[in-house]
C-alpha atoms as a PDB file:
ATOM      1  CA  MET A   1      -4.417 -30.254 -16.863  1.00  0.00           C
ATOM      2  CA  ASN A   2      -3.302 -27.348 -19.051  1.00  0.00           C
ATOM      3  CA  LEU A   3       0.425 -27.493 -18.243  1.00  0.00           C
ATOM      4  CA  PHE A   4       2.870 -25.460 -20.314  1.00  0.00           C
ATOM      5  CA  LYS A   5       6.479 -24.282 -20.328  1.00  0.00           C
ATOM      6  CA  LYS A   6       7.390 -20.595 -20.334  1.00  0.00           C
ATOM      7  CA  THR A   7       8.755 -21.126 -23.849  1.00  0.00           C
ATOM      8  CA  THR A   8       5.420 -22.418 -25.181  1.00  0.00           C
ATOM      9  CA  ALA A   9       4.045 -20.248 -27.983  1.00  0.00           C
ATOM     10  CA  ILE A  10       1.678 -17.701 -26.476  1.00  0.00           C
ATOM     11  CA  GLU A  11      -0.983 -18.540 -29.077  1.00  0.00           C
ATOM     12  CA  VAL A  12      -1.122 -22.113 -27.743  1.00  0.00           C
ATOM     13  CA  VAL A  13      -1.391 -20.890 -24.145  1.00  0.00           C
ATOM     14  CA  LEU A  14      -4.156 -18.418 -25.001  1.00  0.00           C
ATOM     15  CA  GLU A  15      -6.168 -21.062 -26.849  1.00  0.00           C
ATOM     16  CA  ALA A  16      -6.195 -23.270 -23.746  1.00  0.00           C
ATOM     17  CA  PHE A  17      -7.000 -20.323 -21.471  1.00  0.00           C
ATOM     18  CA  ASN A  18      -9.911 -19.145 -23.580  1.00  0.00           C
ATOM     19  CA  ARG A  19     -11.302 -22.672 -23.816  1.00  0.00           C
ATOM     20  CA  ASP A  20     -10.910 -23.829 -20.210  1.00  0.00           C
ATOM     21  CA  GLY A  21     -10.398 -20.654 -18.187  1.00  0.00           C
ATOM     22  CA  TYR A  22      -6.949 -21.513 -16.852  1.00  0.00           C
ATOM     23  CA  VAL A  23      -3.382 -22.530 -17.686  1.00  0.00           C
ATOM     24  CA  VAL A  24      -0.313 -23.454 -15.616  1.00  0.00           C
ATOM     25  CA  ILE A  25       3.219 -22.323 -16.486  1.00  0.00           C
ATOM     26  CA  GLU A  26       5.250 -24.981 -14.712  1.00  0.00           C
ATOM     27  CA  ASP A  27       8.649 -23.244 -14.843  1.00  0.00           C
ATOM     28  CA  ALA A  28       7.582 -19.638 -14.229  1.00  0.00           C
ATOM     29  CA  LEU A  29      10.137 -19.025 -11.450  1.00  0.00           C
ATOM     30  CA  ALA A  30      13.831 -19.872 -11.636  1.00  0.00           C
ATOM     31  CA  PRO A  31      15.286 -21.650  -8.568  1.00  0.00           C
ATOM     32  CA  ALA A  32      17.182 -18.574  -7.335  1.00  0.00           C
ATOM     33  CA  LYS A  33      14.068 -16.365  -7.531  1.00  0.00           C
ATOM     34  CA  LEU A  34      11.977 -19.048  -5.846  1.00  0.00           C
ATOM     35  CA  ALA A  35      14.458 -19.277  -2.961  1.00  0.00           C
ATOM     36  CA  GLU A  36      14.461 -15.483  -2.574  1.00  0.00           C
ATOM     37  CA  LEU A  37      10.667 -15.336  -2.493  1.00  0.00           C
ATOM     38  CA  ASN A  38      10.465 -18.106   0.080  1.00  0.00           C
ATOM     39  CA  ARG A  39      12.926 -16.323   2.378  1.00  0.00           C
ATOM     40  CA  VAL A  40      10.993 -13.078   2.242  1.00  0.00           C
ATOM     41  CA  PHE A  41       7.577 -14.753   2.457  1.00  0.00           C
ATOM     42  CA  ASP A  42       8.573 -16.787   5.520  1.00  0.00           C
ATOM     43  CA  ALA A  43       9.922 -13.720   7.302  1.00  0.00           C
ATOM     44  CA  LYS A  44       6.743 -11.740   6.595  1.00  0.00           C
ATOM     45  CA  ILE A  45       4.271 -14.463   7.575  1.00  0.00           C
ATOM     46  CA  GLN A  46       6.014 -15.753  10.714  1.00  0.00           C
ATOM     47  CA  PRO A  47       4.700 -13.009  13.046  1.00  0.00           C
ATOM     48  CA  GLN A  48       1.155 -13.922  12.011  1.00  0.00           C
ATOM     49  CA  ILE A  49       1.820 -17.612  12.617  1.00  0.00           C
ATOM     50  CA  ASP A  50       3.204 -16.805  16.071  1.00  0.00           C
ATOM     51  CA  ALA A  51       0.117 -14.726  16.889  1.00  0.00           C
ATOM     52  CA  VAL A  52      -2.419 -17.485  16.111  1.00  0.00           C
ATOM     53  CA  ASP A  53      -4.369 -18.590  19.179  1.00  0.00           C
ATOM     54  CA  PRO A  54      -3.932 -22.396  19.521  1.00  0.00           C
ATOM     55  CA  LEU A  55      -7.528 -22.576  20.722  1.00  0.00           C
ATOM     56  CA  LYS A  56      -8.725 -20.754  17.592  1.00  0.00           C
ATOM     57  CA  PRO A  57      -6.585 -22.097  14.732  1.00  0.00           C
ATOM     58  CA  SER A  58      -6.707 -20.161  11.483  1.00  0.00           C
ATOM     59  CA  ARG A  59      -7.526 -21.680   8.096  1.00  0.00           C
ATOM     60  CA  HIS A  60      -5.924 -18.803   6.230  1.00  0.00           C
ATOM     61  CA  LEU A  61      -3.212 -16.202   6.754  1.00  0.00           C
ATOM     62  CA  GLU A  62      -2.242 -13.571   4.223  1.00  0.00           C
ATOM     63  CA  ILE A  63       0.273 -10.876   3.425  1.00  0.00           C
ATOM     64  CA  LYS A  64      -1.726  -7.947   2.073  1.00  0.00           C
ATOM     65  CA  ARG A  65      -0.139  -5.544  -0.417  1.00  0.00           C
ATOM     66  CA  CYS A  66       2.849  -7.842  -0.711  1.00  0.00           C
ATOM     67  CA  LEU A  67       4.108  -6.042  -3.835  1.00  0.00           C
ATOM     68  CA  GLU A  68       4.732  -3.003  -1.665  1.00  0.00           C
ATOM     69  CA  GLN A  69       6.566  -4.847   1.100  1.00  0.00           C
ATOM     70  CA  ASP A  70       9.718  -6.070  -0.620  1.00  0.00           C
ATOM     71  CA  ALA A  71      11.489  -5.760  -3.966  1.00  0.00           C
ATOM     72  CA  ALA A  72      11.441  -9.543  -4.304  1.00  0.00           C
ATOM     73  CA  PHE A  73       7.646  -9.442  -4.424  1.00  0.00           C
ATOM     74  CA  GLU A  74       7.530  -6.264  -6.524  1.00  0.00           C
ATOM     75  CA  ASP A  75       9.325  -8.043  -9.373  1.00  0.00           C
ATOM     76  CA  LEU A  76       6.256 -10.227  -9.877  1.00  0.00           C
ATOM     77  CA  MET A  77       4.043  -7.374 -11.048  1.00  0.00           C
ATOM     78  CA  ASP A  78       5.508  -7.723 -14.558  1.00  0.00           C
ATOM     79  CA  TRP A  79       7.338 -11.062 -14.320  1.00  0.00           C
ATOM     80  CA  PRO A  80       8.585 -11.960 -17.839  1.00  0.00           C
ATOM     81  CA  ALA A  81       7.400 -15.580 -17.816  1.00  0.00           C
ATOM     82  CA  VAL A  82       3.815 -14.657 -16.908  1.00  0.00           C
ATOM     83  CA  PHE A  83       2.954 -10.996 -17.452  1.00  0.00           C
ATOM     84  CA  PRO A  84       2.898 -11.139 -21.281  1.00  0.00           C
ATOM     85  CA  ILE A  85       0.208 -13.827 -21.031  1.00  0.00           C
ATOM     86  CA  ALA A  86      -1.909 -11.749 -18.659  1.00  0.00           C
ATOM     87  CA  ARG A  87      -1.513  -8.714 -20.919  1.00  0.00           C
ATOM     88  CA  ALA A  88      -2.526 -10.710 -23.976  1.00  0.00           C
ATOM     89  CA  ILE A  89      -5.661 -11.905 -22.161  1.00  0.00           C
ATOM     90  CA  ILE A  90      -6.795  -8.531 -20.815  1.00  0.00           C
ATOM     91  CA  GLY A  91      -5.395  -6.223 -23.452  1.00  0.00           C
ATOM     92  CA  ALA A  92      -3.335  -3.061 -23.647  1.00  0.00           C
ATOM     93  CA  ASP A  93      -5.178  -1.366 -20.768  1.00  0.00           C
ATOM     94  CA  ILE A  94      -4.019  -3.924 -18.177  1.00  0.00           C
ATOM     95  CA  THR A  95      -3.585  -2.656 -14.609  1.00  0.00           C
ATOM     96  CA  LEU A  96      -3.183  -4.203 -11.164  1.00  0.00           C
ATOM     97  CA  ALA A  97      -6.414  -5.282  -9.469  1.00  0.00           C
ATOM     98  CA  THR A  98      -4.681  -5.460  -6.075  1.00  0.00           C
ATOM     99  CA  ALA A  99      -1.217  -4.834  -4.665  1.00  0.00           C
ATOM    100  CA  GLY A 100      -0.626  -8.570  -4.409  1.00  0.00           C
ATOM    101  CA  GLU A 101      -1.399 -11.150  -1.741  1.00  0.00           C
ATOM    102  CA  GLY A 102       0.731 -13.706   0.013  1.00  0.00           C
ATOM    103  CA  ASP A 103      -1.546 -16.683   0.723  1.00  0.00           C
ATOM    104  CA  TYR A 104      -0.737 -19.188   3.502  1.00  0.00           C
ATOM    105  CA  ARG A 105      -2.894 -22.237   4.260  1.00  0.00           C
ATOM    106  CA  PRO A 106      -1.809 -24.055   7.435  1.00  0.00           C
ATOM    107  CA  ALA A 107      -1.430 -27.807   7.575  1.00  0.00           C
ATOM    108  CA  ARG A 108      -4.445 -29.970   8.389  1.00  0.00           C
ATOM    109  CA  THR A 109      -7.086 -27.327   7.729  1.00  0.00           C
ATOM    110  CA  PRO A 110     -10.444 -27.430   5.917  1.00  0.00           C
ATOM    111  CA  ALA A 111     -11.115 -25.371   2.810  1.00  0.00           C
ATOM    112  CA  TYR A 112     -11.013 -21.639   3.448  1.00  0.00           C
ATOM    113  CA  ILE A 113     -13.643 -20.893   0.814  1.00  0.00           C
ATOM    114  CA  ALA A 114     -16.175 -23.078  -1.006  1.00  0.00           C
ATOM    115  CA  TRP A 115     -17.095 -23.187  -4.723  1.00  0.00           C
ATOM    116  CA  HIS A 116     -17.734 -19.722  -6.172  1.00  0.00           C
ATOM    117  CA  ASN A 117     -17.004 -17.321  -9.004  1.00  0.00           C
ATOM    118  CA  ASP A 118     -15.442 -14.059  -7.887  1.00  0.00           C
ATOM    119  CA  PHE A 119     -17.988 -11.578  -9.267  1.00  0.00           C
ATOM    120  CA  ILE A 120     -20.970 -13.520  -7.897  1.00  0.00           C
ATOM    121  CA  TRP A 121     -21.705 -10.448  -5.770  1.00  0.00           C
ATOM    122  CA  MET A 122     -22.593  -8.507  -8.947  1.00  0.00           C
ATOM    123  CA  PRO A 123     -26.006 -10.057  -9.728  1.00  0.00           C
ATOM    124  CA  HIS A 124     -26.913  -7.526 -12.430  1.00  0.00           C
ATOM    125  CA  LEU A 125     -23.852  -8.310 -14.558  1.00  0.00           C
ATOM    126  CA  PRO A 126     -25.142 -10.745 -17.198  1.00  0.00           C
ATOM    127  CA  TYR A 127     -23.779 -14.207 -17.944  1.00  0.00           C
ATOM    128  CA  PRO A 128     -21.726 -15.446 -19.683  1.00  0.00           C
ATOM    129  CA  ARG A 129     -19.422 -12.912 -18.099  1.00  0.00           C
ATOM    130  CA  GLN A 130     -17.376 -10.749 -20.441  1.00  0.00           C
ATOM    131  CA  ASN A 131     -15.748  -8.932 -17.521  1.00  0.00           C
ATOM    132  CA  PHE A 132     -13.296 -10.688 -15.243  1.00  0.00           C
ATOM    133  CA  TRP A 133      -9.935 -10.398 -13.553  1.00  0.00           C
ATOM    134  CA  VAL A 134      -6.902 -12.556 -14.239  1.00  0.00           C
ATOM    135  CA  ARG A 135      -5.251 -14.177 -11.212  1.00  0.00           C
ATOM    136  CA  CYS A 136      -1.619 -15.326 -11.387  1.00  0.00           C
ATOM    137  CA  SER A 137      -0.789 -17.596  -8.443  1.00  0.00           C
ATOM    138  CA  TYR A 138       2.877 -18.464  -7.960  1.00  0.00           C
ATOM    139  CA  PHE A 139       3.569 -21.720  -6.110  1.00  0.00           C
ATOM    140  CA  LEU A 140       6.236 -21.291  -3.420  1.00  0.00           C
ATOM    141  CA  ASN A 141       6.143 -24.987  -2.581  1.00  0.00           C
ATOM    142  CA  ASP A 142       5.146 -28.153  -4.397  1.00  0.00           C
ATOM    143  CA  VAL A 143       1.348 -28.293  -4.513  1.00  0.00           C
ATOM    144  CA  THR A 144      -0.137 -31.788  -4.368  1.00  0.00           C
ATOM    145  CA  VAL A 145      -3.726 -32.995  -4.258  1.00  0.00           C
ATOM    146  CA  ASP A 146      -3.632 -33.197  -0.456  1.00  0.00           C
ATOM    147  CA  ARG A 147      -1.894 -29.832   0.056  1.00  0.00           C
ATOM    148  CA  GLY A 148      -4.750 -27.399  -0.442  1.00  0.00           C
ATOM    149  CA  PRO A 149      -4.652 -26.903  -4.212  1.00  0.00           C
ATOM    150  CA  PHE A 150      -6.744 -24.439  -6.146  1.00  0.00           C
ATOM    151  CA  THR A 151      -9.516 -26.569  -7.619  1.00  0.00           C
ATOM    152  CA  LEU A 152     -11.367 -25.537 -10.783  1.00  0.00           C
ATOM    153  CA  LEU A 153     -14.206 -26.608 -13.042  1.00  0.00           C
ATOM    154  CA  PRO A 154     -12.800 -26.039 -16.555  1.00  0.00           C
ATOM    155  CA  GLY A 155     -15.004 -24.104 -18.953  1.00  0.00           C
ATOM    156  CA  THR A 156     -17.278 -22.620 -16.302  1.00  0.00           C
ATOM    157  CA  HIS A 157     -15.945 -19.120 -17.009  1.00  0.00           C
ATOM    158  CA  ARG A 158     -18.415 -19.342 -19.916  1.00  0.00           C
ATOM    159  CA  ALA A 159     -21.317 -20.466 -17.700  1.00  0.00           C
ATOM    160  CA  THR A 160     -24.764 -18.945 -18.147  1.00  0.00           C
ATOM    161  CA  GLY A 161     -25.248 -18.385 -14.421  1.00  0.00           C
ATOM    162  CA  PRO A 162     -23.475 -18.149 -11.058  1.00  0.00           C
ATOM    163  CA  CYS A 163     -21.876 -21.074  -9.277  1.00  0.00           C
ATOM    164  CA  PRO A 164     -24.728 -23.199  -7.852  1.00  0.00           C
ATOM    165  CA  LYS A 165     -25.073 -23.223  -4.071  1.00  0.00           C
ATOM    166  CA  GLU A 166     -25.574 -26.993  -4.060  1.00  0.00           C
ATOM    167  CA  TYR A 167     -21.933 -27.440  -5.054  1.00  0.00           C
ATOM    168  CA  ASN A 168     -21.157 -26.770  -1.386  1.00  0.00           C
ATOM    169  CA  GLU A 169     -22.175 -28.436   1.857  1.00  0.00           C
ATOM    170  CA  GLY A 170     -21.590 -27.087   5.341  1.00  0.00           C
ATOM    171  CA  GLY A 171     -19.321 -24.374   4.014  1.00  0.00           C
ATOM    172  CA  GLN A 172     -17.064 -26.889   2.293  1.00  0.00           C
ATOM    173  CA  PRO A 173     -16.729 -27.725  -1.412  1.00  0.00           C
ATOM    174  CA  ARG A 174     -18.212 -30.967  -2.662  1.00  0.00           C
ATOM    175  CA  ALA A 175     -16.312 -33.154  -5.111  1.00  0.00           C
ATOM    176  CA  MET A 176     -17.709 -32.328  -8.544  1.00  0.00           C
ATOM    177  CA  GLU A 177     -17.478 -34.271 -11.789  1.00  0.00           C
ATOM    178  CA  GLY A 178     -14.803 -32.820 -14.062  1.00  0.00           C
ATOM    179  CA  MET A 179     -13.058 -30.754 -11.386  1.00  0.00           C
ATOM    180  CA  VAL A 180      -9.299 -30.263 -11.670  1.00  0.00           C
ATOM    181  CA  HIS A 181      -6.980 -30.049  -8.664  1.00  0.00           C
ATOM    182  CA  VAL A 182      -4.288 -27.663  -9.900  1.00  0.00           C
ATOM    183  CA  THR A 183      -1.087 -29.297  -8.739  1.00  0.00           C
ATOM    184  CA  GLY A 184       2.470 -28.520  -9.735  1.00  0.00           C
ATOM    185  CA  PRO A 185       6.050 -27.988  -8.631  1.00  0.00           C
ATOM    186  CA  ALA A 186       7.357 -25.065  -6.633  1.00  0.00           C
ATOM    187  CA  GLY A 187       7.966 -22.259  -9.112  1.00  0.00           C
ATOM    188  CA  ALA A 188       4.872 -22.964 -11.205  1.00  0.00           C
ATOM    189  CA  CYS A 189       2.208 -20.334 -11.816  1.00  0.00           C
ATOM    190  CA  LEU A 190      -1.537 -20.858 -12.241  1.00  0.00           C
ATOM    191  CA  ILE A 191      -3.185 -18.233 -14.457  1.00  0.00           C
ATOM    192  CA  ASN A 192      -6.981 -18.266 -14.243  1.00  0.00           C
ATOM    193  CA  ASN A 193     -10.066 -16.301 -15.192  1.00  0.00           C
ATOM    194  CA  THR A 194     -11.637 -15.279 -11.866  1.00  0.00           C
ATOM    195  CA  GLU A 195     -15.130 -16.138 -13.162  1.00  0.00           C
ATOM    196  CA  ILE A 196     -14.277 -19.830 -13.448  1.00  0.00           C
ATOM    197  CA  TYR A 197     -15.987 -21.850 -10.692  1.00  0.00           C
ATOM    198  CA  HIS A 198     -13.204 -22.462  -8.182  1.00  0.00           C
ATOM    199  CA  THR A 199     -12.429 -23.279  -4.568  1.00  0.00           C
ATOM    200  CA  SER A 200      -9.545 -23.917  -2.215  1.00  0.00           C
ATOM    201  CA  TRP A 201      -9.409 -27.632  -1.476  1.00  0.00           C
ATOM    202  CA  PRO A 202      -8.698 -28.687   2.138  1.00  0.00           C
ATOM    203  CA  ASN A 203      -5.057 -28.943   3.124  1.00  0.00           C
ATOM    204  CA  LEU A 204      -4.896 -32.526   4.382  1.00  0.00           C
ATOM    205  CA  SER A 205      -1.113 -32.624   4.512  1.00  0.00           C
ATOM    206  CA  ASP A 206       1.299 -31.967   7.379  1.00  0.00           C
ATOM    207  CA  GLN A 207       2.806 -28.986   5.525  1.00  0.00           C
ATOM    208  CA  PRO A 208       1.497 -25.468   4.835  1.00  0.00           C
ATOM    209  CA  ARG A 209       0.699 -24.329   1.309  1.00  0.00           C
ATOM    210  CA  LYS A 210       2.181 -21.000   0.197  1.00  0.00           C
ATOM    211  CA  LEU A 211       1.223 -18.891  -2.826  1.00  0.00           C
ATOM    212  CA  ILE A 212       1.739 -15.353  -4.059  1.00  0.00           C
ATOM    213  CA  MET A 213      -1.252 -14.038  -6.008  1.00  0.00           C
ATOM    214  CA  ILE A 214      -1.051 -11.143  -8.472  1.00  0.00           C
ATOM    215  CA  LEU A 215      -4.344  -9.999 -10.005  1.00  0.00           C
ATOM    216  CA  TYR A 216      -4.896  -7.903 -13.118  1.00  0.00           C
ATOM    217  CA  LYS A 217      -7.884  -6.007 -14.531  1.00  0.00           C
ATOM    218  CA  HIS A 218      -8.913  -3.500 -17.159  1.00  0.00           C
ATOM    219  CA  ALA A 219      -7.911   0.111 -16.494  1.00  0.00           C
ATOM    220  CA  TRP A 220     -11.531   1.233 -16.189  1.00  0.00           C
ATOM    221  CA  MET A 221     -12.268  -1.173 -13.330  1.00  0.00           C
ATOM    222  CA  ARG A 222     -11.669  -0.228  -9.703  1.00  0.00           C
ATOM    223  CA  GLN A 223      -9.152  -2.070  -7.563  1.00  0.00           C
ATOM    224  CA  TRP A 224     -10.230  -4.331  -4.730  1.00  0.00           C
ATOM    225  CA  MET A 225     -10.325  -2.216  -1.567  1.00  0.00           C
ATOM    226  CA  ASP A 226     -10.216  -3.185   2.137  1.00  0.00           C
ATOM    227  CA  GLY A 227      -6.452  -2.914   2.340  1.00  0.00           C
ATOM    228  CA  TYR A 228      -5.725  -4.902  -0.825  1.00  0.00           C
ATOM    229  CA  ASP A 229      -5.416  -1.915  -3.160  1.00  0.00           C
ATOM    230  CA  SER A 230      -2.096  -0.312  -4.051  1.00  0.00           C
ATOM    231  CA  THR A 231      -1.155   2.922  -2.329  1.00  0.00           C
ATOM    232  CA  PRO A 232      -0.335   6.260  -4.004  1.00  0.00           C
ATOM    233  CA  GLU A 233       3.161   6.019  -2.543  1.00  0.00           C
ATOM    234  CA  PHE A 234       3.774   2.702  -4.285  1.00  0.00           C
ATOM    235  CA  ALA A 235       2.539   4.098  -7.602  1.00  0.00           C
ATOM    236  CA  ALA A 236       4.669   7.215  -7.253  1.00  0.00           C
ATOM    237  CA  ARG A 237       7.920   5.292  -6.837  1.00  0.00           C
ATOM    238  CA  GLN A 238       7.573   3.371 -10.114  1.00  0.00           C
ATOM    239  CA  THR A 239      10.001   4.414 -12.841  1.00  0.00           C
ATOM    240  CA  SER A 240       9.251   2.153 -15.819  1.00  0.00           C
ATOM    241  CA  GLU A 241       6.360   3.125 -18.103  1.00  0.00           C
ATOM    242  CA  ALA A 242       4.878  -0.363 -17.880  1.00  0.00           C
ATOM    243  CA  ARG A 243       4.821  -0.344 -14.082  1.00  0.00           C
ATOM    244  CA  LYS A 244       3.391   3.165 -13.973  1.00  0.00           C
ATOM    245  CA  GLN A 245       0.545   1.942 -16.139  1.00  0.00           C
ATOM    246  CA  LEU A 246      -0.012  -1.086 -13.913  1.00  0.00           C
ATOM    247  CA  CYS A 247      -0.452   1.325 -11.011  1.00  0.00           C
ATOM    248  CA  GLY A 248      -2.988   3.400 -12.904  1.00  0.00           C
ATOM    249  CA  PHE A 249      -0.791   6.033 -14.544  1.00  0.00           C
ATOM    250  CA  GLY A 250       0.515   6.492 -18.066  1.00  0.00           C
ATOM    251  CA  ILE A 251      -0.950   6.028 -21.532  1.00  0.00           C
ATOM    252  CA  TRP A 252      -2.066   2.438 -21.827  1.00  0.00           C
ATOM    253  CA  HIS A 253      -2.302   2.240 -25.620  1.00  0.00           C
ATOM    254  CA  ARG A 254       1.473   2.488 -26.030  1.00  0.00           C
ATOM    255  CA  GLU A 255       3.565  -0.617 -26.568  1.00  0.00           C
ATOM    256  CA  TYR A 256       6.189  -1.041 -23.877  1.00  0.00           C
ATOM    257  CA  PRO A 257       9.289  -3.231 -24.202  1.00  0.00           C
END
């Protein structure tokens, strides 16, 4: 697994990302920040947990537009241990692809989504894909093989076609040769190309799995809609030039500190 420290030279991190389509920064969040995020996340998700019908258990709960809901989340839009990597991958015109998502997978649940690449719904975009988003997924708890990890097929971001349907069976991902269960300690961050073949593995443990996902794109791409996009009010309250740009304002070719 491509596991690095936040102090690892960015050239080394980028080489692994470009080759395999993902990297993990194992110490992305300091303990105090991790504790703060967990407190806020738990408070935001609990009403949804309470509302779940026991006769219709959910495989997936989420906090949409989490960046807009608390300053603790908002900090992650340009988090120093991760954002420079995302910017180096995408380039100077980097912007937010969504307003952030809190992702909660309950204990003892099957996979929420099977093998796929995110832009599979764009059949006229040729492969290998030159256009993609970058997803940064912060682990709020230790992620083990049995606790619903992101699971990837390294190198498939350079595939010559979409993720094959036969990789799945009955709506669930099959075990594939070469797949990597992305595990790591609380506070780690997975950075991946969204065109890599990936899935959420079943959560077989007795504990939920919690992530915060921040996605980035080129400025000329549209944000994901359906309540995931950032609001004009959120953009208007930004004061730093870098954050204004991330929300779609400003001159992206400038270098910001």
